[in-house]
Amino acid sequence: MIEFESAGYSYGGQALFSQVNLELAPGSFHFLTGPSGVGKSTFLKLCYGELHPTEGRTTLFGQDLSTLNRDELAHTRQSIGVVHQDCQFLDHLPIEENIGLPIAISSKDALGEKANLQELIAWVGLTERAHALPPQLSGGERQRAALARAVIMSPDVILADEPTGNVDWEMSQKLLRLLVELNRMGKTIMIATHDLALIRAAKTHVQARVLRIANGQIQSAGADL
């Protein structure tokens, strides 16, 4: 689905990654770990095409990223849902409309997708908060809303950037269970996190591959952390 072939990325003359060979296969579950500032967010951006590798290549759903024009890339991205660290909501719109924004800018059947919106909001436990504005939500509510927005278009891949970074342990577990449930539905999941306790807790729910960024390399760390 997403594949790196001898890929690397340099910024400001400094190589963040080099010679990365990695495949996110259908239905797989990955944790991407490493200390803050090591490049986890940058790597996720390479996964969904916001950034292009400066060496090697990235393939999204069988298509070389470097060959895609703007419209083709936008279409391909509809198959990838992203949960950003800062959630990136429009504060003047109720959370229900924020979650539904991807429908408005897509070419998919809006009526058909909107029919699932209320069910999705209920799935993340935000029915009673659907008409609240983003600044009125707690950190956990914002993260659940961000996850709902990421999956509203039924993507094949979900990338989550530190989704539990600003919530307590109980809410971290709730978010993890939602992501595990998505994986059991056949979605490919990658979670970037520095929270090793979260990775250990996930071992009881899902078979996950743990990847560690170190010294410009993506190294398989196994699951015994």
N, C-alpha and C. Protein backbone atom coordinates (compact mmCIF):
# COMPACT_ATOMS: atom_id res chain seq x y z
N MET A 1 0.84 -1.20 0.00
CA MET A 1 0.00 0.00 0.00
C MET A 1 0.87 1.25 0.00
N ILE A 2 1.79 1.33 0.99
CA ILE A 2 2.79 2.39 1.01
C ILE A 2 4.14 1.72 1.12
N GLU A 3 5.03 2.06 0.20
CA GLU A 3 6.31 1.37 0.16
C GLU A 3 7.46 2.36 -0.05
N PHE A 4 8.52 2.17 0.71
CA PHE A 4 9.73 2.96 0.58
C PHE A 4 10.83 2.08 -0.01
N GLU A 5 11.48 2.59 -1.04
CA GLU A 5 12.56 1.85 -1.68
C GLU A 5 13.83 2.71 -1.67
N SER A 6 14.78 2.32 -0.82
CA SER A 6 16.04 3.06 -0.68
C SER A 6 15.78 4.56 -0.53
N ALA A 7 14.74 4.90 0.23
CA ALA A 7 14.29 6.29 0.33
C ALA A 7 15.06 7.04 1.42
N GLY A 8 15.23 8.33 1.17
CA GLY A 8 15.86 9.19 2.16
C GLY A 8 15.28 10.58 2.07
N TYR A 9 15.50 11.34 3.13
CA TYR A 9 15.01 12.72 3.14
C TYR A 9 16.02 13.59 3.86
N SER A 10 16.40 14.67 3.17
CA SER A 10 17.35 15.63 3.74
C SER A 10 16.69 16.99 3.82
N TYR A 11 17.05 17.72 4.85
CA TYR A 11 16.52 19.07 5.03
C TYR A 11 17.63 19.97 5.54
N GLY A 12 17.82 21.10 4.85
CA GLY A 12 18.86 22.03 5.27
C GLY A 12 20.25 21.44 5.25
N GLY A 13 20.47 20.52 4.30
CA GLY A 13 21.78 19.89 4.18
C GLY A 13 22.02 18.75 5.15
N GLN A 14 21.01 18.45 5.97
CA GLN A 14 21.14 17.36 6.95
C GLN A 14 20.22 16.22 6.58
N ALA A 15 20.75 15.01 6.55
CA ALA A 15 19.95 13.84 6.22
C ALA A 15 19.20 13.35 7.46
N LEU A 16 17.85 13.39 7.40
CA LEU A 16 17.04 12.85 8.50
C LEU A 16 16.92 11.34 8.39
N PHE A 17 16.75 10.86 7.14
CA PHE A 17 16.64 9.42 6.88
C PHE A 17 17.46 9.09 5.65
N SER A 18 17.91 7.85 5.57
CA SER A 18 18.58 7.39 4.36
C SER A 18 18.39 5.89 4.23
N GLN A 19 18.32 5.45 2.98
CA GLN A 19 18.22 4.03 2.66
C GLN A 19 17.12 3.32 3.45
N VAL A 20 15.94 3.92 3.44
CA VAL A 20 14.78 3.31 4.11
C VAL A 20 14.09 2.36 3.15
N ASN A 21 13.95 1.10 3.55
CA ASN A 21 13.21 0.11 2.79
C ASN A 21 12.13 -0.44 3.71
N LEU A 22 10.89 -0.12 3.40
CA LEU A 22 9.79 -0.45 4.31
C LEU A 22 8.49 -0.54 3.53
N GLU A 23 7.65 -1.49 3.91
CA GLU A 23 6.33 -1.62 3.30
C GLU A 23 5.26 -1.64 4.39
N LEU A 24 4.24 -0.81 4.22
CA LEU A 24 3.05 -0.88 5.06
C LEU A 24 2.03 -1.72 4.32
N ALA A 25 1.94 -2.98 4.69
CA ALA A 25 1.09 -3.92 3.98
C ALA A 25 -0.36 -3.77 4.40
N PRO A 26 -1.31 -4.21 3.57
CA PRO A 26 -2.72 -4.14 3.93
C PRO A 26 -3.00 -4.85 5.25
N GLY A 27 -3.72 -4.16 6.14
CA GLY A 27 -4.12 -4.76 7.40
C GLY A 27 -3.05 -4.82 8.47
N SER A 28 -1.89 -4.21 8.22
CA SER A 28 -0.81 -4.26 9.20
C SER A 28 -0.96 -3.14 10.23
N PHE A 29 -0.26 -3.30 11.34
CA PHE A 29 -0.31 -2.34 12.44
C PHE A 29 1.13 -2.02 12.83
N HIS A 30 1.48 -0.74 12.81
CA HIS A 30 2.84 -0.32 13.10
C HIS A 30 2.86 0.78 14.16
N PHE A 31 3.87 0.72 15.02
CA PHE A 31 4.22 1.85 15.88
C PHE A 31 5.54 2.41 15.38
N LEU A 32 5.61 3.73 15.28
CA LEU A 32 6.84 4.42 14.91
C LEU A 32 7.29 5.20 16.14
N THR A 33 8.45 4.86 16.67
CA THR A 33 8.87 5.46 17.92
C THR A 33 10.26 6.09 17.81
N GLY A 34 10.60 6.81 18.84
CA GLY A 34 11.86 7.54 18.89
C GLY A 34 11.64 8.82 19.68
N PRO A 35 12.70 9.43 20.17
CA PRO A 35 12.56 10.64 20.98
C PRO A 35 11.99 11.80 20.19
N SER A 36 11.48 12.80 20.90
CA SER A 36 10.94 13.99 20.25
C SER A 36 12.02 14.65 19.39
N GLY A 37 11.62 15.09 18.20
CA GLY A 37 12.54 15.78 17.31
C GLY A 37 13.35 14.88 16.40
N VAL A 38 13.14 13.55 16.50
CA VAL A 38 13.94 12.64 15.69
C VAL A 38 13.44 12.53 14.25
N GLY A 39 12.20 12.97 14.00
CA GLY A 39 11.69 12.94 12.63
C GLY A 39 10.45 12.09 12.40
N LYS A 40 9.73 11.76 13.47
CA LYS A 40 8.54 10.91 13.31
C LYS A 40 7.48 11.60 12.44
N SER A 41 7.22 12.88 12.72
CA SER A 41 6.21 13.61 11.94
C SER A 41 6.64 13.74 10.48
N THR A 42 7.92 13.97 10.26
CA THR A 42 8.43 14.07 8.90
C THR A 42 8.22 12.76 8.15
N PHE A 43 8.47 11.65 8.83
CA PHE A 43 8.29 10.36 8.17
C PHE A 43 6.83 10.13 7.81
N LEU A 44 5.92 10.51 8.68
CA LEU A 44 4.50 10.36 8.36
C LEU A 44 4.14 11.21 7.14
N LYS A 45 4.71 12.41 7.03
CA LYS A 45 4.45 13.26 5.87
C LYS A 45 4.95 12.61 4.58
N LEU A 46 6.03 11.87 4.66
CA LEU A 46 6.49 11.11 3.51
C LEU A 46 5.50 10.00 3.16
N CYS A 47 4.85 9.44 4.19
CA CYS A 47 3.90 8.35 3.96
C CYS A 47 2.66 8.81 3.20
N TYR A 48 2.23 10.06 3.42
CA TYR A 48 1.03 10.50 2.71
C TYR A 48 1.31 11.55 1.64
N GLY A 49 2.58 11.72 1.30
CA GLY A 49 2.91 12.52 0.13
C GLY A 49 2.96 14.02 0.34
N GLU A 50 2.89 14.49 1.59
CA GLU A 50 3.07 15.92 1.80
C GLU A 50 4.52 16.31 1.52
N LEU A 51 5.42 15.39 1.82
CA LEU A 51 6.83 15.56 1.47
C LEU A 51 7.24 14.44 0.50
N HIS A 52 8.18 14.75 -0.37
CA HIS A 52 8.73 13.77 -1.30
C HIS A 52 10.13 13.39 -0.85
N PRO A 53 10.51 12.14 -1.00
CA PRO A 53 11.88 11.76 -0.63
C PRO A 53 12.89 12.49 -1.50
N THR A 54 14.03 12.81 -0.92
CA THR A 54 15.09 13.46 -1.69
C THR A 54 16.03 12.44 -2.32
N GLU A 55 15.84 11.18 -1.96
CA GLU A 55 16.55 10.08 -2.62
C GLU A 55 15.67 8.85 -2.57
N GLY A 56 15.88 7.94 -3.51
CA GLY A 56 15.03 6.76 -3.57
C GLY A 56 13.61 7.14 -3.97
N ARG A 57 12.64 6.29 -3.62
CA ARG A 57 11.27 6.60 -3.99
C ARG A 57 10.27 6.07 -2.98
N THR A 58 9.10 6.70 -3.01
CA THR A 58 7.95 6.26 -2.22
C THR A 58 6.84 5.88 -3.19
N THR A 59 6.21 4.74 -2.95
CA THR A 59 5.11 4.28 -3.78
C THR A 59 3.84 4.25 -2.95
N LEU A 60 2.80 4.93 -3.44
CA LEU A 60 1.51 4.94 -2.76
C LEU A 60 0.51 4.18 -3.60
N PHE A 61 0.03 3.07 -3.07
CA PHE A 61 -0.96 2.25 -3.76
C PHE A 61 -0.52 1.91 -5.19
N GLY A 62 0.74 1.52 -5.30
CA GLY A 62 1.28 1.10 -6.58
C GLY A 62 1.72 2.20 -7.51
N GLN A 63 1.64 3.45 -7.07
CA GLN A 63 2.01 4.57 -7.92
C GLN A 63 3.22 5.30 -7.34
N ASP A 64 4.22 5.51 -8.17
CA ASP A 64 5.41 6.25 -7.76
C ASP A 64 5.00 7.69 -7.44
N LEU A 65 5.28 8.13 -6.23
CA LEU A 65 4.87 9.46 -5.78
C LEU A 65 5.39 10.55 -6.72
N SER A 66 6.59 10.37 -7.25
CA SER A 66 7.20 11.41 -8.08
C SER A 66 6.49 11.59 -9.42
N THR A 67 5.66 10.62 -9.80
CA THR A 67 4.97 10.70 -11.09
C THR A 67 3.57 11.29 -10.98
N LEU A 68 3.09 11.53 -9.77
CA LEU A 68 1.72 11.99 -9.58
C LEU A 68 1.64 13.50 -9.69
N ASN A 69 0.67 13.98 -10.47
CA ASN A 69 0.43 15.43 -10.49
C ASN A 69 -0.44 15.80 -9.29
N ARG A 70 -0.75 17.08 -9.16
CA ARG A 70 -1.45 17.56 -7.97
C ARG A 70 -2.80 16.88 -7.80
N ASP A 71 -3.58 16.77 -8.87
CA ASP A 71 -4.90 16.15 -8.78
C ASP A 71 -4.81 14.67 -8.46
N GLU A 72 -3.85 13.99 -9.06
CA GLU A 72 -3.68 12.56 -8.81
C GLU A 72 -3.27 12.31 -7.37
N LEU A 73 -2.40 13.18 -6.84
CA LEU A 73 -1.98 13.03 -5.45
C LEU A 73 -3.16 13.27 -4.51
N ALA A 74 -3.98 14.29 -4.80
CA ALA A 74 -5.15 14.58 -3.97
C ALA A 74 -6.10 13.38 -3.96
N HIS A 75 -6.27 12.76 -5.11
CA HIS A 75 -7.16 11.59 -5.20
C HIS A 75 -6.59 10.43 -4.39
N THR A 76 -5.29 10.22 -4.50
CA THR A 76 -4.65 9.13 -3.77
C THR A 76 -4.75 9.33 -2.27
N ARG A 77 -4.62 10.59 -1.84
CA ARG A 77 -4.68 10.89 -0.41
C ARG A 77 -6.05 10.59 0.20
N GLN A 78 -7.08 10.49 -0.62
CA GLN A 78 -8.39 10.15 -0.07
C GLN A 78 -8.40 8.75 0.54
N SER A 79 -7.41 7.95 0.21
CA SER A 79 -7.30 6.60 0.76
C SER A 79 -6.45 6.57 2.02
N ILE A 80 -5.99 7.76 2.47
CA ILE A 80 -5.14 7.85 3.66
C ILE A 80 -5.76 8.85 4.62
N GLY A 81 -6.05 8.41 5.83
CA GLY A 81 -6.56 9.31 6.86
C GLY A 81 -5.44 9.68 7.82
N VAL A 82 -5.34 10.97 8.15
CA VAL A 82 -4.24 11.44 9.00
C VAL A 82 -4.79 12.11 10.24
N VAL A 83 -4.30 11.70 11.39
CA VAL A 83 -4.62 12.35 12.67
C VAL A 83 -3.40 13.19 13.04
N HIS A 84 -3.50 14.51 12.90
CA HIS A 84 -2.38 15.41 13.17
C HIS A 84 -2.25 15.67 14.67
N GLN A 85 -1.06 16.05 15.09
CA GLN A 85 -0.82 16.36 16.50
C GLN A 85 -1.70 17.51 16.98
N ASP A 86 -1.83 18.55 16.15
CA ASP A 86 -2.56 19.74 16.59
C ASP A 86 -4.03 19.74 16.17
N CYS A 87 -4.50 18.63 15.62
CA CYS A 87 -5.90 18.42 15.22
C CYS A 87 -6.33 19.30 14.04
N GLN A 88 -5.87 20.55 13.94
CA GLN A 88 -6.13 21.42 12.80
C GLN A 88 -7.63 21.60 12.52
N PHE A 89 -8.39 21.97 13.54
CA PHE A 89 -9.81 22.24 13.35
C PHE A 89 -10.05 23.70 12.97
N LEU A 90 -11.21 23.96 12.38
CA LEU A 90 -11.68 25.32 12.15
C LEU A 90 -12.52 25.70 13.37
N ASP A 91 -12.03 26.63 14.18
CA ASP A 91 -12.63 26.90 15.48
C ASP A 91 -14.02 27.53 15.40
N HIS A 92 -14.40 28.09 14.25
CA HIS A 92 -15.71 28.72 14.14
C HIS A 92 -16.80 27.74 13.71
N LEU A 93 -16.42 26.50 13.42
CA LEU A 93 -17.40 25.48 13.02
C LEU A 93 -17.60 24.46 14.13
N PRO A 94 -18.84 24.00 14.35
CA PRO A 94 -19.06 22.94 15.34
C PRO A 94 -18.29 21.69 14.94
N ILE A 95 -18.02 20.87 15.93
CA ILE A 95 -17.16 19.72 15.69
C ILE A 95 -17.78 18.77 14.68
N GLU A 96 -19.09 18.67 14.63
CA GLU A 96 -19.76 17.83 13.65
C GLU A 96 -19.38 18.25 12.23
N GLU A 97 -19.36 19.55 11.97
CA GLU A 97 -19.02 20.04 10.64
C GLU A 97 -17.53 19.87 10.36
N ASN A 98 -16.70 20.02 11.38
CA ASN A 98 -15.27 19.77 11.21
C ASN A 98 -15.01 18.33 10.80
N ILE A 99 -15.69 17.40 11.44
CA ILE A 99 -15.51 15.99 11.11
C ILE A 99 -15.94 15.72 9.67
N GLY A 100 -16.99 16.39 9.24
CA GLY A 100 -17.53 16.16 7.90
C GLY A 100 -16.85 16.93 6.79
N LEU A 101 -15.86 17.77 7.10
CA LEU A 101 -15.20 18.59 6.08
C LEU A 101 -14.60 17.79 4.92
N PRO A 102 -13.96 16.64 5.17
CA PRO A 102 -13.40 15.90 4.04
C PRO A 102 -14.44 15.52 2.99
N ILE A 103 -15.70 15.35 3.41
CA ILE A 103 -16.75 15.02 2.45
C ILE A 103 -16.96 16.17 1.48
N ALA A 104 -16.96 17.39 2.03
CA ALA A 104 -17.26 18.57 1.22
C ALA A 104 -16.22 18.82 0.14
N ILE A 105 -14.97 18.41 0.37
CA ILE A 105 -13.92 18.69 -0.60
C ILE A 105 -13.56 17.48 -1.44
N SER A 106 -14.33 16.41 -1.32
CA SER A 106 -14.03 15.19 -2.07
C SER A 106 -14.99 15.05 -3.23
N SER A 107 -14.69 14.05 -4.05
CA SER A 107 -15.56 13.75 -5.19
C SER A 107 -16.45 12.55 -4.91
N LYS A 108 -16.44 12.09 -3.66
CA LYS A 108 -17.28 10.95 -3.31
C LYS A 108 -18.73 11.38 -3.11
N ASP A 109 -19.60 10.41 -3.02
CA ASP A 109 -21.03 10.65 -2.82
C ASP A 109 -21.25 11.27 -1.44
N ALA A 110 -21.48 12.58 -1.42
CA ALA A 110 -21.60 13.30 -0.16
C ALA A 110 -22.79 12.82 0.66
N LEU A 111 -23.92 12.60 0.01
CA LEU A 111 -25.11 12.17 0.74
C LEU A 111 -24.89 10.81 1.39
N GLY A 112 -24.26 9.91 0.64
CA GLY A 112 -24.00 8.59 1.19
C GLY A 112 -23.05 8.63 2.36
N GLU A 113 -22.01 9.47 2.27
CA GLU A 113 -21.04 9.58 3.36
C GLU A 113 -21.64 10.28 4.57
N LYS A 114 -22.46 11.31 4.35
CA LYS A 114 -23.05 12.03 5.46
C LYS A 114 -24.03 11.16 6.25
N ALA A 115 -24.59 10.16 5.57
CA ALA A 115 -25.51 9.26 6.27
C ALA A 115 -24.79 8.50 7.38
N ASN A 116 -23.47 8.35 7.25
CA ASN A 116 -22.70 7.64 8.26
C ASN A 116 -22.11 8.56 9.32
N LEU A 117 -22.28 9.87 9.15
CA LEU A 117 -21.61 10.82 10.04
C LEU A 117 -22.07 10.67 11.49
N GLN A 118 -23.37 10.60 11.70
CA GLN A 118 -23.87 10.49 13.07
C GLN A 118 -23.43 9.19 13.73
N GLU A 119 -23.40 8.12 12.95
CA GLU A 119 -22.94 6.84 13.49
C GLU A 119 -21.47 6.93 13.88
N LEU A 120 -20.68 7.60 13.05
CA LEU A 120 -19.25 7.76 13.33
C LEU A 120 -19.04 8.61 14.59
N ILE A 121 -19.81 9.68 14.72
CA ILE A 121 -19.69 10.54 15.90
C ILE A 121 -20.05 9.74 17.16
N ALA A 122 -21.06 8.90 17.06
CA ALA A 122 -21.42 8.06 18.20
C ALA A 122 -20.31 7.05 18.50
N TRP A 123 -19.68 6.52 17.45
CA TRP A 123 -18.62 5.53 17.62
C TRP A 123 -17.45 6.08 18.43
N VAL A 124 -17.14 7.36 18.25
CA VAL A 124 -16.05 7.96 19.03
C VAL A 124 -16.56 8.62 20.32
N GLY A 125 -17.84 8.45 20.62
CA GLY A 125 -18.39 8.92 21.90
C GLY A 125 -18.59 10.41 22.00
N LEU A 126 -18.96 11.07 20.88
CA LEU A 126 -19.09 12.52 20.88
C LEU A 126 -20.49 13.00 20.49
N THR A 127 -21.48 12.14 20.58
CA THR A 127 -22.83 12.53 20.19
C THR A 127 -23.31 13.78 20.93
N GLU A 128 -23.06 13.82 22.24
CA GLU A 128 -23.54 14.95 23.04
C GLU A 128 -22.70 16.21 22.84
N ARG A 129 -21.57 16.09 22.15
CA ARG A 129 -20.68 17.22 21.93
C ARG A 129 -20.62 17.63 20.47
N ALA A 130 -21.49 17.06 19.66
CA ALA A 130 -21.42 17.26 18.21
C ALA A 130 -21.55 18.71 17.79
N HIS A 131 -22.30 19.51 18.57
CA HIS A 131 -22.54 20.91 18.19
C HIS A 131 -21.63 21.89 18.94
N ALA A 132 -20.70 21.34 19.71
CA ALA A 132 -19.75 22.20 20.42
C ALA A 132 -18.67 22.69 19.46
N LEU A 133 -18.11 23.85 19.73
CA LEU A 133 -16.99 24.36 18.95
C LEU A 133 -15.69 23.72 19.44
N PRO A 134 -14.70 23.58 18.58
CA PRO A 134 -13.45 22.92 18.98
C PRO A 134 -12.82 23.48 20.26
N PRO A 135 -12.78 24.81 20.49
CA PRO A 135 -12.16 25.29 21.73
C PRO A 135 -12.91 24.85 23.00
N GLN A 136 -14.15 24.40 22.84
CA GLN A 136 -14.94 23.97 24.00
C GLN A 136 -14.69 22.51 24.36
N LEU A 137 -13.93 21.80 23.56
CA LEU A 137 -13.69 20.38 23.80
C LEU A 137 -12.46 20.16 24.66
N SER A 138 -12.46 19.06 25.40
CA SER A 138 -11.28 18.65 26.15
C SER A 138 -10.25 18.07 25.17
N GLY A 139 -9.03 17.84 25.68
CA GLY A 139 -8.00 17.26 24.83
C GLY A 139 -8.40 15.90 24.28
N GLY A 140 -8.99 15.06 25.12
CA GLY A 140 -9.42 13.74 24.67
C GLY A 140 -10.53 13.81 23.65
N GLU A 141 -11.46 14.73 23.84
CA GLU A 141 -12.55 14.89 22.87
C GLU A 141 -12.02 15.37 21.53
N ARG A 142 -11.06 16.27 21.55
CA ARG A 142 -10.46 16.76 20.31
C ARG A 142 -9.75 15.63 19.56
N GLN A 143 -9.06 14.79 20.29
CA GLN A 143 -8.35 13.69 19.64
C GLN A 143 -9.31 12.68 19.04
N ARG A 144 -10.42 12.41 19.74
CA ARG A 144 -11.41 11.48 19.19
C ARG A 144 -12.09 12.08 17.96
N ALA A 145 -12.32 13.39 18.01
CA ALA A 145 -12.90 14.06 16.84
C ALA A 145 -11.93 14.02 15.66
N ALA A 146 -10.64 14.20 15.95
CA ALA A 146 -9.63 14.15 14.89
C ALA A 146 -9.57 12.76 14.26
N LEU A 147 -9.72 11.74 15.08
CA LEU A 147 -9.74 10.38 14.54
C LEU A 147 -10.97 10.16 13.67
N ALA A 148 -12.13 10.66 14.14
CA ALA A 148 -13.35 10.52 13.35
C ALA A 148 -13.21 11.21 12.00
N ARG A 149 -12.63 12.40 11.99
CA ARG A 149 -12.43 13.12 10.73
C ARG A 149 -11.49 12.34 9.80
N ALA A 150 -10.48 11.70 10.38
CA ALA A 150 -9.52 10.96 9.58
C ALA A 150 -10.13 9.75 8.90
N VAL A 151 -11.20 9.19 9.47
CA VAL A 151 -11.76 7.96 8.92
C VAL A 151 -13.11 8.17 8.23
N ILE A 152 -13.59 9.42 8.15
CA ILE A 152 -14.91 9.68 7.59
C ILE A 152 -15.03 9.20 6.15
N MET A 153 -13.92 9.21 5.39
CA MET A 153 -13.95 8.80 4.00
C MET A 153 -13.59 7.33 3.82
N SER A 154 -13.59 6.57 4.90
CA SER A 154 -13.26 5.13 4.88
C SER A 154 -11.92 4.87 4.21
N PRO A 155 -10.84 5.49 4.69
CA PRO A 155 -9.53 5.28 4.07
C PRO A 155 -9.01 3.88 4.34
N ASP A 156 -8.05 3.46 3.53
CA ASP A 156 -7.42 2.16 3.71
C ASP A 156 -6.28 2.22 4.72
N VAL A 157 -5.71 3.41 4.90
CA VAL A 157 -4.57 3.60 5.79
C VAL A 157 -4.87 4.75 6.74
N ILE A 158 -4.56 4.57 8.03
CA ILE A 158 -4.70 5.65 9.02
C ILE A 158 -3.33 5.90 9.64
N LEU A 159 -2.87 7.14 9.56
CA LEU A 159 -1.61 7.57 10.15
C LEU A 159 -1.92 8.51 11.31
N ALA A 160 -1.45 8.20 12.49
CA ALA A 160 -1.76 9.01 13.67
C ALA A 160 -0.47 9.52 14.29
N ASP A 161 -0.34 10.85 14.38
CA ASP A 161 0.88 11.49 14.88
C ASP A 161 0.70 11.87 16.35
N GLU A 162 1.30 11.11 17.24
CA GLU A 162 1.21 11.33 18.69
C GLU A 162 -0.25 11.55 19.13
N PRO A 163 -1.16 10.62 18.80
CA PRO A 163 -2.57 10.83 19.11
C PRO A 163 -2.88 10.86 20.60
N THR A 164 -1.98 10.34 21.43
CA THR A 164 -2.23 10.31 22.87
C THR A 164 -1.30 11.26 23.62
N GLY A 165 -0.63 12.15 22.91
CA GLY A 165 0.38 13.00 23.53
C GLY A 165 -0.15 13.98 24.55
N ASN A 166 -1.42 14.38 24.42
CA ASN A 166 -1.97 15.42 25.32
C ASN A 166 -3.18 14.93 26.11
N VAL A 167 -3.26 13.62 26.32
CA VAL A 167 -4.41 13.07 27.06
C VAL A 167 -3.90 12.16 28.17
N ASP A 168 -4.78 11.86 29.12
CA ASP A 168 -4.38 11.01 30.23
C ASP A 168 -4.39 9.54 29.80
N TRP A 169 -3.95 8.68 30.72
CA TRP A 169 -3.77 7.27 30.38
C TRP A 169 -5.10 6.60 30.01
N GLU A 170 -6.16 6.92 30.74
CA GLU A 170 -7.46 6.32 30.44
C GLU A 170 -7.91 6.67 29.03
N MET A 171 -7.75 7.93 28.64
CA MET A 171 -8.15 8.34 27.31
C MET A 171 -7.21 7.73 26.26
N SER A 172 -5.93 7.58 26.60
CA SER A 172 -5.00 6.92 25.68
C SER A 172 -5.47 5.52 25.35
N GLN A 173 -5.97 4.82 26.37
CA GLN A 173 -6.47 3.46 26.15
C GLN A 173 -7.71 3.45 25.27
N LYS A 174 -8.58 4.43 25.44
CA LYS A 174 -9.77 4.51 24.61
C LYS A 174 -9.40 4.75 23.14
N LEU A 175 -8.46 5.66 22.93
CA LEU A 175 -8.03 5.95 21.56
C LEU A 175 -7.35 4.73 20.95
N LEU A 176 -6.54 4.04 21.75
CA LEU A 176 -5.89 2.83 21.26
C LEU A 176 -6.92 1.78 20.84
N ARG A 177 -7.96 1.60 21.66
CA ARG A 177 -8.98 0.60 21.33
C ARG A 177 -9.70 0.96 20.03
N LEU A 178 -9.93 2.24 19.79
CA LEU A 178 -10.56 2.66 18.54
C LEU A 178 -9.67 2.32 17.35
N LEU A 179 -8.38 2.57 17.49
CA LEU A 179 -7.45 2.27 16.40
C LEU A 179 -7.31 0.76 16.18
N VAL A 180 -7.32 -0.01 17.26
CA VAL A 180 -7.27 -1.46 17.14
C VAL A 180 -8.53 -1.97 16.43
N GLU A 181 -9.67 -1.40 16.76
CA GLU A 181 -10.92 -1.81 16.10
C GLU A 181 -10.85 -1.51 14.61
N LEU A 182 -10.30 -0.36 14.24
CA LEU A 182 -10.14 -0.04 12.82
C LEU A 182 -9.22 -1.06 12.13
N ASN A 183 -8.16 -1.46 12.82
CA ASN A 183 -7.25 -2.46 12.26
C ASN A 183 -7.96 -3.79 12.04
N ARG A 184 -8.83 -4.16 12.97
CA ARG A 184 -9.57 -5.42 12.82
C ARG A 184 -10.57 -5.36 11.68
N MET A 185 -10.92 -4.14 11.26
CA MET A 185 -11.77 -3.95 10.09
C MET A 185 -10.96 -3.99 8.79
N GLY A 186 -9.65 -4.21 8.91
CA GLY A 186 -8.80 -4.34 7.73
C GLY A 186 -7.98 -3.12 7.40
N LYS A 187 -8.04 -2.07 8.23
CA LYS A 187 -7.28 -0.86 7.95
C LYS A 187 -5.81 -1.03 8.35
N THR A 188 -4.94 -0.41 7.58
CA THR A 188 -3.53 -0.35 7.92
C THR A 188 -3.31 0.83 8.85
N ILE A 189 -2.63 0.60 9.96
CA ILE A 189 -2.46 1.63 10.98
C ILE A 189 -0.98 1.89 11.24
N MET A 190 -0.60 3.16 11.30
CA MET A 190 0.72 3.54 11.82
C MET A 190 0.54 4.64 12.85
N ILE A 191 1.05 4.42 14.06
CA ILE A 191 0.98 5.39 15.14
C ILE A 191 2.39 5.86 15.46
N ALA A 192 2.64 7.13 15.33
CA ALA A 192 3.91 7.71 15.76
C ALA A 192 3.77 8.12 17.21
N THR A 193 4.64 7.62 18.07
CA THR A 193 4.53 7.91 19.49
C THR A 193 5.88 7.71 20.18
N HIS A 194 6.11 8.46 21.25
CA HIS A 194 7.26 8.22 22.10
C HIS A 194 6.84 7.51 23.38
N ASP A 195 5.55 7.13 23.47
CA ASP A 195 4.98 6.53 24.68
C ASP A 195 5.16 5.01 24.63
N LEU A 196 6.21 4.50 25.25
CA LEU A 196 6.47 3.07 25.24
C LEU A 196 5.43 2.30 26.03
N ALA A 197 4.84 2.93 27.05
CA ALA A 197 3.78 2.25 27.81
C ALA A 197 2.58 1.95 26.93
N LEU A 198 2.28 2.86 26.02
CA LEU A 198 1.17 2.64 25.09
C LEU A 198 1.47 1.45 24.18
N ILE A 199 2.70 1.35 23.71
CA ILE A 199 3.09 0.24 22.84
C ILE A 199 2.98 -1.08 23.59
N ARG A 200 3.43 -1.10 24.85
CA ARG A 200 3.34 -2.33 25.64
C ARG A 200 1.88 -2.72 25.86
N ALA A 201 1.03 -1.73 26.13
CA ALA A 201 -0.39 -2.01 26.35
C ALA A 201 -1.04 -2.57 25.09
N ALA A 202 -0.58 -2.13 23.93
CA ALA A 202 -1.17 -2.57 22.67
C ALA A 202 -0.92 -4.05 22.40
N LYS A 203 0.14 -4.61 23.01
CA LYS A 203 0.51 -6.00 22.75
C LYS A 203 -0.60 -6.97 23.13
N THR A 204 -1.47 -6.57 24.07
CA THR A 204 -2.56 -7.47 24.47
C THR A 204 -3.74 -7.40 23.52
N HIS A 205 -3.71 -6.45 22.58
CA HIS A 205 -4.85 -6.25 21.68
C HIS A 205 -4.54 -6.56 20.22
N VAL A 206 -3.29 -6.40 19.82
CA VAL A 206 -2.99 -6.48 18.39
C VAL A 206 -1.54 -6.90 18.20
N GLN A 207 -1.27 -7.57 17.09
CA GLN A 207 0.09 -7.90 16.72
C GLN A 207 0.67 -6.74 15.92
N ALA A 208 1.55 -5.99 16.54
CA ALA A 208 2.05 -4.77 15.93
C ALA A 208 3.56 -4.86 15.71
N ARG A 209 4.00 -4.26 14.63
CA ARG A 209 5.43 -4.11 14.37
C ARG A 209 5.89 -2.78 14.94
N VAL A 210 6.98 -2.78 15.65
CA VAL A 210 7.51 -1.57 16.25
C VAL A 210 8.74 -1.13 15.46
N LEU A 211 8.71 0.11 14.99
CA LEU A 211 9.81 0.67 14.22
C LEU A 211 10.41 1.82 15.01
N ARG A 212 11.72 1.87 15.08
CA ARG A 212 12.40 2.92 15.83
C ARG A 212 13.26 3.74 14.88
N ILE A 213 13.14 5.07 14.99
CA ILE A 213 14.01 5.95 14.22
C ILE A 213 15.26 6.22 15.04
N ALA A 214 16.40 5.87 14.47
CA ALA A 214 17.67 6.08 15.17
C ALA A 214 18.78 6.23 14.15
N ASN A 215 19.58 7.28 14.32
CA ASN A 215 20.74 7.51 13.47
C ASN A 215 20.38 7.53 11.98
N GLY A 216 19.23 8.14 11.67
CA GLY A 216 18.83 8.28 10.28
C GLY A 216 18.30 7.02 9.65
N GLN A 217 18.04 6.01 10.46
CA GLN A 217 17.54 4.74 9.95
C GLN A 217 16.21 4.39 10.60
N ILE A 218 15.40 3.63 9.89
CA ILE A 218 14.17 3.07 10.45
C ILE A 218 14.46 1.62 10.79
N GLN A 219 14.56 1.32 12.07
CA GLN A 219 14.98 0.00 12.51
C GLN A 219 13.81 -0.75 13.14
N SER A 220 13.68 -2.02 12.81
CA SER A 220 12.66 -2.84 13.44
C SER A 220 13.08 -3.14 14.86
N ALA A 221 12.20 -2.76 15.80
CA ALA A 221 12.54 -2.91 17.22
C ALA A 221 11.86 -4.11 17.85
N GLY A 222 11.05 -4.83 17.06
CA GLY A 222 10.30 -5.93 17.64
C GLY A 222 9.19 -5.38 18.53
N ALA A 223 8.61 -6.22 19.34
CA ALA A 223 7.50 -5.78 20.22
C ALA A 223 7.89 -5.85 21.69
N ASP A 224 9.11 -6.32 21.98
CA ASP A 224 9.49 -6.48 23.37
C ASP A 224 10.20 -5.22 23.87
N LEU A 225 9.43 -4.18 24.14
CA LEU A 225 10.01 -2.93 24.62
C LEU A 225 9.74 -2.77 26.12
